[in-house]
């Protein structure tokens, strides 16, 4: 397991301590969890579960239908 030294101002250190205590985990675990969340390459399961959750949501095609046609680009 790797070790990391962090230098935090007093306010940030207090906020870290409070957040970890509220989560019921150590400060090290709290920071590790934050790093994993911020560097994850996939959507969280809670977000994936939202797919199709709104049956009345218009499709992308329906939304784009009201946008009209694109104009041709000007020559450079």
PDB file of N, CA and C in Angstrom:
ATOM      1  N   UNK A   1       0.851  -1.166   0.000  1.00  0.00           N
ATOM      2  CA  UNK A   1       0.000   0.000   0.000  1.00  0.00           C
ATOM      3  C   UNK A   1       0.901   1.235   0.000  1.00  0.00           C
ATOM      4  N   UNK A   2       0.540   2.225  -0.783  1.00  0.00           N
ATOM      5  CA  UNK A   2       1.312   3.462  -0.886  1.00  0.00           C
ATOM      6  C   UNK A   2       0.942   4.430   0.223  1.00  0.00           C
ATOM      7  N   UNK A   3       1.895   5.264   0.567  1.00  0.00           N
ATOM      8  CA  UNK A   3       1.643   6.326   1.528  1.00  0.00           C
ATOM      9  C   UNK A   3       1.776   7.652   0.816  1.00  0.00           C
ATOM     10  N   UNK A   4       1.005   8.628   1.268  1.00  0.00           N
ATOM     11  CA  UNK A   4       0.980   9.948   0.658  1.00  0.00           C
ATOM     12  C   UNK A   4       0.958  10.990   1.767  1.00  0.00           C
ATOM     13  N   UNK A   5       1.746  12.035   1.613  1.00  0.00           N
ATOM     14  CA  UNK A   5       1.748  13.122   2.584  1.00  0.00           C
ATOM     15  C   UNK A   5       1.003  14.299   1.981  1.00  0.00           C
ATOM     16  N   UNK A   6       0.020  14.816   2.705  1.00  0.00           N
ATOM     17  CA  UNK A   6      -0.750  15.969   2.260  1.00  0.00           C
ATOM     18  C   UNK A   6      -0.493  17.132   3.197  1.00  0.00           C
ATOM     19  N   UNK A   7      -0.354  18.309   2.654  1.00  0.00           N
ATOM     20  CA  UNK A   7      -0.225  19.526   3.442  1.00  0.00           C
ATOM     21  C   UNK A   7      -1.513  20.317   3.259  1.00  0.00           C
ATOM     22  N   UNK A   8      -2.271  20.458   4.332  1.00  0.00           N
ATOM     23  CA  UNK A   8      -3.566  21.124   4.274  1.00  0.00           C
ATOM     24  C   UNK A   8      -3.590  22.313   5.223  1.00  0.00           C
ATOM     25  N   UNK A   9      -4.275  23.370   4.817  1.00  0.00           N
ATOM     26  CA  UNK A   9      -4.477  24.486   5.738  1.00  0.00           C
ATOM     27  C   UNK A   9      -5.444  24.020   6.827  1.00  0.00           C
ATOM     28  N   UNK A  10      -5.536  24.764   7.893  1.00  0.00           N
ATOM     29  CA  UNK A  10      -6.327  24.358   9.060  1.00  0.00           C
ATOM     30  C   UNK A  10      -7.801  24.152   8.722  1.00  0.00           C
ATOM     31  N   UNK A  11      -8.367  25.036   7.908  1.00  0.00           N
ATOM     32  CA  UNK A  11      -9.782  24.917   7.551  1.00  0.00           C
ATOM     33  C   UNK A  11     -10.033  23.647   6.750  1.00  0.00           C
ATOM     34  N   UNK A  12      -9.181  23.380   5.771  1.00  0.00           N
ATOM     35  CA  UNK A  12      -9.347  22.183   4.946  1.00  0.00           C
ATOM     36  C   UNK A  12      -9.164  20.919   5.774  1.00  0.00           C
ATOM     37  N   UNK A  13      -8.189  20.931   6.673  1.00  0.00           N
ATOM     38  CA  UNK A  13      -7.960  19.776   7.542  1.00  0.00           C
ATOM     39  C   UNK A  13      -9.175  19.520   8.430  1.00  0.00           C
ATOM     40  N   UNK A  14      -9.775  20.576   8.947  1.00  0.00           N
ATOM     41  CA  UNK A  14     -10.967  20.431   9.787  1.00  0.00           C
ATOM     42  C   UNK A  14     -12.136  19.887   8.979  1.00  0.00           C
ATOM     43  N   UNK A  15     -12.274  20.361   7.755  1.00  0.00           N
ATOM     44  CA  UNK A  15     -13.357  19.875   6.894  1.00  0.00           C
ATOM     45  C   UNK A  15     -13.174  18.398   6.572  1.00  0.00           C
ATOM     46  N   UNK A  16     -11.919  17.990   6.305  1.00  0.00           N
ATOM     47  CA  UNK A  16     -11.624  16.579   6.054  1.00  0.00           C
ATOM     48  C   UNK A  16     -11.975  15.742   7.273  1.00  0.00           C
ATOM     49  N   UNK A  17     -11.547  16.190   8.451  1.00  0.00           N
ATOM     50  CA  UNK A  17     -11.811  15.460   9.691  1.00  0.00           C
ATOM     51  C   UNK A  17     -13.308  15.300   9.913  1.00  0.00           C
ATOM     52  N   UNK A  18     -14.074  16.367   9.725  1.00  0.00           N
ATOM     53  CA  UNK A  18     -15.527  16.317   9.906  1.00  0.00           C
ATOM     54  C   UNK A  18     -16.196  15.392   8.890  1.00  0.00           C
ATOM     55  N   UNK A  19     -15.766  15.480   7.636  1.00  0.00           N
ATOM     56  CA  UNK A  19     -16.366  14.647   6.578  1.00  0.00           C
ATOM     57  C   UNK A  19     -16.104  13.170   6.838  1.00  0.00           C
ATOM     58  N   UNK A  20     -14.887  12.844   7.227  1.00  0.00           N
ATOM     59  CA  UNK A  20     -14.545  11.443   7.509  1.00  0.00           C
ATOM     60  C   UNK A  20     -15.335  10.938   8.718  1.00  0.00           C
ATOM     61  N   UNK A  21     -15.428  11.769   9.747  1.00  0.00           N
ATOM     62  CA  UNK A  21     -16.184  11.370  10.941  1.00  0.00           C
ATOM     63  C   UNK A  21     -17.659  11.159  10.599  1.00  0.00           C
ATOM     64  N   UNK A  22     -18.220  12.023   9.776  1.00  0.00           N
ATOM     65  CA  UNK A  22     -19.627  11.883   9.368  1.00  0.00           C
ATOM     66  C   UNK A  22     -19.860  10.600   8.579  1.00  0.00           C
ATOM     67  N   UNK A  23     -18.848  10.209   7.790  1.00  0.00           N
ATOM     68  CA  UNK A  23     -18.957   8.987   6.993  1.00  0.00           C
ATOM     69  C   UNK A  23     -18.624   7.746   7.817  1.00  0.00           C
ATOM     70  N   UNK A  24     -18.074   7.949   9.012  1.00  0.00           N
ATOM     71  CA  UNK A  24     -17.730   6.818   9.865  1.00  0.00           C
ATOM     72  C   UNK A  24     -16.494   6.059   9.411  1.00  0.00           C
ATOM     73  N   UNK A  25     -15.595   6.762   8.716  1.00  0.00           N
ATOM     74  CA  UNK A  25     -14.371   6.126   8.223  1.00  0.00           C
ATOM     75  C   UNK A  25     -13.178   7.005   8.589  1.00  0.00           C
ATOM     76  N   UNK A  26     -11.982   6.455   8.408  1.00  0.00           N
ATOM     77  CA  UNK A  26     -10.783   7.233   8.702  1.00  0.00           C
ATOM     78  C   UNK A  26     -10.582   8.306   7.631  1.00  0.00           C
ATOM     79  N   UNK A  27      -9.768   9.286   7.965  1.00  0.00           N
ATOM     80  CA  UNK A  27      -9.465  10.337   6.996  1.00  0.00           C
ATOM     81  C   UNK A  27      -8.775   9.742   5.772  1.00  0.00           C
ATOM     82  N   UNK A  28      -7.899   8.781   5.984  1.00  0.00           N
ATOM     83  CA  UNK A  28      -7.208   8.128   4.877  1.00  0.00           C
ATOM     84  C   UNK A  28      -8.202   7.427   3.950  1.00  0.00           C
ATOM     85  N   UNK A  29      -9.156   6.701   4.541  1.00  0.00           N
ATOM     86  CA  UNK A  29     -10.171   6.028   3.734  1.00  0.00           C
ATOM     87  C   UNK A  29     -11.039   7.031   2.985  1.00  0.00           C
ATOM     88  N   UNK A  30     -11.354   8.155   3.630  1.00  0.00           N
ATOM     89  CA  UNK A  30     -12.185   9.173   2.995  1.00  0.00           C
ATOM     90  C   UNK A  30     -11.480   9.752   1.775  1.00  0.00           C
ATOM     91  N   UNK A  31     -10.192  10.074   1.919  1.00  0.00           N
ATOM     92  CA  UNK A  31      -9.420  10.622   0.798  1.00  0.00           C
ATOM     93  C   UNK A  31      -9.297   9.577  -0.310  1.00  0.00           C
ATOM     94  N   UNK A  32      -9.025   8.320   0.049  1.00  0.00           N
ATOM     95  CA  UNK A  32      -8.909   7.257  -0.956  1.00  0.00           C
ATOM     96  C   UNK A  32     -10.218   7.090  -1.720  1.00  0.00           C
ATOM     97  N   UNK A  33     -11.348   7.149  -0.999  1.00  0.00           N
ATOM     98  CA  UNK A  33     -12.656   7.027  -1.647  1.00  0.00           C
ATOM     99  C   UNK A  33     -12.877   8.178  -2.630  1.00  0.00           C
ATOM    100  N   UNK A  34     -12.520   9.388  -2.219  1.00  0.00           N
ATOM    101  CA  UNK A  34     -12.676  10.550  -3.082  1.00  0.00           C
ATOM    102  C   UNK A  34     -11.833  10.405  -4.342  1.00  0.00           C
ATOM    103  N   UNK A  35     -10.610   9.943  -4.190  1.00  0.00           N
ATOM    104  CA  UNK A  35      -9.739   9.755  -5.359  1.00  0.00           C
ATOM    105  C   UNK A  35     -10.328   8.711  -6.303  1.00  0.00           C
ATOM    106  N   UNK A  36     -10.827   7.595  -5.745  1.00  0.00           N
ATOM    107  CA  UNK A  36     -11.438   6.569  -6.600  1.00  0.00           C
ATOM    108  C   UNK A  36     -12.655   7.126  -7.341  1.00  0.00           C
ATOM    109  N   UNK A  37     -13.506   7.888  -6.626  1.00  0.00           N
ATOM    110  CA  UNK A  37     -14.705   8.455  -7.257  1.00  0.00           C
ATOM    111  C   UNK A  37     -14.338   9.427  -8.375  1.00  0.00           C
ATOM    112  N   UNK A  38     -13.334  10.255  -8.136  1.00  0.00           N
ATOM    113  CA  UNK A  38     -12.966  11.284  -9.113  1.00  0.00           C
ATOM    114  C   UNK A  38     -12.196  10.731 -10.306  1.00  0.00           C
ATOM    115  N   UNK A  39     -11.605   9.552 -10.170  1.00  0.00           N
ATOM    116  CA  UNK A  39     -10.815   8.994 -11.269  1.00  0.00           C
ATOM    117  C   UNK A  39     -11.491   7.801 -11.924  1.00  0.00           C
ATOM    118  N   UNK A  40     -12.698   7.458 -11.481  1.00  0.00           N
ATOM    119  CA  UNK A  40     -13.413   6.324 -12.056  1.00  0.00           C
ATOM    120  C   UNK A  40     -13.721   6.601 -13.527  1.00  0.00           C
ATOM    121  N   UNK A  41     -13.621   5.580 -14.331  1.00  0.00           N
ATOM    122  CA  UNK A  41     -13.834   5.719 -15.769  1.00  0.00           C
ATOM    123  C   UNK A  41     -15.242   5.315 -16.204  1.00  0.00           C
ATOM    124  N   UNK A  42     -16.074   4.890 -15.275  1.00  0.00           N
ATOM    125  CA  UNK A  42     -17.429   4.472 -15.611  1.00  0.00           C
ATOM    126  C   UNK A  42     -18.446   5.275 -14.801  1.00  0.00           C
ATOM    127  N   UNK A  43     -19.663   5.339 -15.317  1.00  0.00           N
ATOM    128  CA  UNK A  43     -20.740   6.000 -14.595  1.00  0.00           C
ATOM    129  C   UNK A  43     -21.079   5.185 -13.365  1.00  0.00           C
ATOM    130  N   UNK A  44     -21.416   5.840 -12.256  1.00  0.00           N
ATOM    131  CA  UNK A  44     -21.861   5.110 -11.062  1.00  0.00           C
ATOM    132  C   UNK A  44     -23.151   4.348 -11.352  1.00  0.00           C
ATOM    133  N   UNK A  45     -23.368   3.264 -10.621  1.00  0.00           N
ATOM    134  CA  UNK A  45     -24.570   2.451 -10.820  1.00  0.00           C
ATOM    135  C   UNK A  45     -25.844   3.275 -10.651  1.00  0.00           C
ATOM    136  N   UNK A  46     -25.834   4.223  -9.725  1.00  0.00           N
ATOM    137  CA  UNK A  46     -27.024   5.056  -9.500  1.00  0.00           C
ATOM    138  C   UNK A  46     -27.364   5.863 -10.749  1.00  0.00           C
ATOM    139  N   UNK A  47     -26.365   6.291 -11.495  1.00  0.00           N
ATOM    140  CA  UNK A  47     -26.604   7.041 -12.722  1.00  0.00           C
ATOM    141  C   UNK A  47     -27.062   6.094 -13.828  1.00  0.00           C
ATOM    142  N   UNK A  48     -26.438   4.924 -13.929  1.00  0.00           N
ATOM    143  CA  UNK A  48     -26.848   3.939 -14.942  1.00  0.00           C
ATOM    144  C   UNK A  48     -28.306   3.526 -14.751  1.00  0.00           C
ATOM    145  N   UNK A  49     -28.737   3.448 -13.502  1.00  0.00           N
ATOM    146  CA  UNK A  49     -30.111   3.033 -13.203  1.00  0.00           C
ATOM    147  C   UNK A  49     -31.137   4.050 -13.686  1.00  0.00           C
ATOM    148  N   UNK A  50     -30.718   5.278 -13.937  1.00  0.00           N
ATOM    149  CA  UNK A  50     -31.639   6.310 -14.412  1.00  0.00           C
ATOM    150  C   UNK A  50     -32.023   6.143 -15.877  1.00  0.00           C
ATOM    151  N   UNK A  51     -31.254   5.361 -16.631  1.00  0.00           N
ATOM    152  CA  UNK A  51     -31.553   5.176 -18.053  1.00  0.00           C
ATOM    153  C   UNK A  51     -32.960   4.617 -18.220  1.00  0.00           C
ATOM    154  N   UNK A  52     -33.792   5.324 -18.957  1.00  0.00           N
ATOM    155  CA  UNK A  52     -35.164   4.904 -19.202  1.00  0.00           C
ATOM    156  C   UNK A  52     -36.113   5.187 -18.057  1.00  0.00           C
ATOM    157  N   UNK A  53     -35.663   5.932 -17.058  1.00  0.00           N
ATOM    158  CA  UNK A  53     -36.496   6.189 -15.887  1.00  0.00           C
ATOM    159  C   UNK A  53     -37.649   7.143 -16.185  1.00  0.00           C
ATOM    160  N   UNK A  54     -37.540   7.924 -17.248  1.00  0.00           N
ATOM    161  CA  UNK A  54     -38.594   8.867 -17.610  1.00  0.00           C
ATOM    162  C   UNK A  54     -39.233   8.415 -18.916  1.00  0.00           C
ATOM    163  N   UNK A  55     -40.333   7.677 -18.838  1.00  0.00           N
ATOM    164  CA  UNK A  55     -40.945   7.148 -20.059  1.00  0.00           C
ATOM    165  C   UNK A  55     -41.473   8.231 -20.995  1.00  0.00           C
ATOM    166  N   UNK A  56     -41.776   9.429 -20.479  1.00  0.00           N
ATOM    167  CA  UNK A  56     -42.310  10.493 -21.325  1.00  0.00           C
ATOM    168  C   UNK A  56     -41.214  11.411 -21.860  1.00  0.00           C
ATOM    169  N   UNK A  57     -39.946  11.079 -21.615  1.00  0.00           N
ATOM    170  CA  UNK A  57     -38.832  11.894 -22.112  1.00  0.00           C
ATOM    171  C   UNK A  57     -38.759  11.759 -23.629  1.00  0.00           C
ATOM    172  N   UNK A  58     -38.733  12.876 -24.342  1.00  0.00           N
ATOM    173  CA  UNK A  58     -38.653  12.775 -25.805  1.00  0.00           C
ATOM    174  C   UNK A  58     -37.314  12.184 -26.234  1.00  0.00           C
ATOM    175  N   UNK A  59     -37.317  11.528 -27.363  1.00  0.00           N
ATOM    176  CA  UNK A  59     -36.087  10.963 -27.902  1.00  0.00           C
ATOM    177  C   UNK A  59     -35.220  12.079 -28.473  1.00  0.00           C
ATOM    178  N   UNK A  60     -33.960  11.783 -28.715  1.00  0.00           N
ATOM    179  CA  UNK A  60     -33.052  12.769 -29.309  1.00  0.00           C
ATOM    180  C   UNK A  60     -33.581  13.213 -30.673  1.00  0.00           C
ATOM    181  N   UNK A  61     -34.128  12.292 -31.429  1.00  0.00           N
ATOM    182  CA  UNK A  61     -34.681  12.621 -32.750  1.00  0.00           C
ATOM    183  C   UNK A  61     -35.847  13.605 -32.619  1.00  0.00           C
ATOM    184  N   UNK A  62     -36.703  13.387 -31.627  1.00  0.00           N
ATOM    185  CA  UNK A  62     -37.839  14.288 -31.409  1.00  0.00           C
ATOM    186  C   UNK A  62     -37.367  15.675 -30.979  1.00  0.00           C
ATOM    187  N   UNK A  63     -36.360  15.728 -30.141  1.00  0.00           N
ATOM    188  CA  UNK A  63     -35.824  17.017 -29.703  1.00  0.00           C
ATOM    189  C   UNK A  63     -35.204  17.766 -30.870  1.00  0.00           C
ATOM    190  N   UNK A  64     -34.446  17.063 -31.702  1.00  0.00           N
ATOM    191  CA  UNK A  64     -33.757  17.700 -32.827  1.00  0.00           C
ATOM    192  C   UNK A  64     -34.703  18.105 -33.949  1.00  0.00           C
ATOM    193  N   UNK A  65     -35.879  17.528 -34.010  1.00  0.00           N
ATOM    194  CA  UNK A  65     -36.828  17.828 -35.086  1.00  0.00           C
ATOM    195  C   UNK A  65     -37.214  19.298 -35.098  1.00  0.00           C
ATOM    196  N   UNK A  66     -37.225  19.925 -33.939  1.00  0.00           N
ATOM    197  CA  UNK A  66     -37.620  21.333 -33.852  1.00  0.00           C
ATOM    198  C   UNK A  66     -36.456  22.292 -34.083  1.00  0.00           C
ATOM    199  N   UNK A  67     -35.275  21.781 -34.358  1.00  0.00           N
ATOM    200  CA  UNK A  67     -34.092  22.637 -34.478  1.00  0.00           C
ATOM    201  C   UNK A  67     -33.882  23.205 -35.870  1.00  0.00           C
ATOM    202  N   UNK A  68     -34.554  22.687 -36.867  1.00  0.00           N
ATOM    203  CA  UNK A  68     -34.347  23.182 -38.224  1.00  0.00           C
ATOM    204  C   UNK A  68     -33.111  22.582 -38.871  1.00  0.00           C
ATOM    205  N   UNK A  69     -32.772  23.118 -40.032  1.00  0.00           N
ATOM    206  CA  UNK A  69     -31.642  22.587 -40.794  1.00  0.00           C
ATOM    207  C   UNK A  69     -30.398  23.412 -40.538  1.00  0.00           C
ATOM    208  N   UNK A  70     -29.251  22.783 -40.596  1.00  0.00           N
ATOM    209  CA  UNK A  70     -27.986  23.502 -40.457  1.00  0.00           C
ATOM    210  C   UNK A  70     -27.662  24.257 -41.742  1.00  0.00           C
ATOM    211  N   UNK A  71     -26.979  25.372 -41.627  1.00  0.00           N
ATOM    212  CA  UNK A  71     -26.529  26.130 -42.767  1.00  0.00           C
ATOM    213  C   UNK A  71     -25.197  25.572 -43.258  1.00  0.00           C
ATOM    214  N   UNK A  72     -24.926  25.777 -44.527  1.00  0.00           N
ATOM    215  CA  UNK A  72     -23.638  25.348 -45.088  1.00  0.00           C
ATOM    216  C   UNK A  72     -22.533  26.222 -44.521  1.00  0.00           C
ATOM    217  N   UNK A  73     -21.375  25.652 -44.333  1.00  0.00           N
ATOM    218  CA  UNK A  73     -20.219  26.432 -43.860  1.00  0.00           C
ATOM    219  C   UNK A  73     -19.737  27.365 -44.968  1.00  0.00           C
ATOM    220  N   UNK A  74     -19.204  28.480 -44.555  1.00  0.00           N
ATOM    221  CA  UNK A  74     -18.621  29.401 -45.517  1.00  0.00           C
ATOM    222  C   UNK A  74     -17.246  28.897 -45.934  1.00  0.00           C
ATOM    223  N   UNK A  75     -16.867  29.161 -47.145  1.00  0.00           N
ATOM    224  CA  UNK A  75     -15.522  28.779 -47.612  1.00  0.00           C
ATOM    225  C   UNK A  75     -14.484  29.655 -46.920  1.00  0.00           C
ATOM    226  N   UNK A  76     -13.341  29.042 -46.613  1.00  0.00           N
ATOM    227  CA  UNK A  76     -12.275  29.819 -45.946  1.00  0.00           C
ATOM    228  C   UNK A  76     -11.515  30.630 -46.914  1.00  0.00           C
TER     229      UNK A  76
END
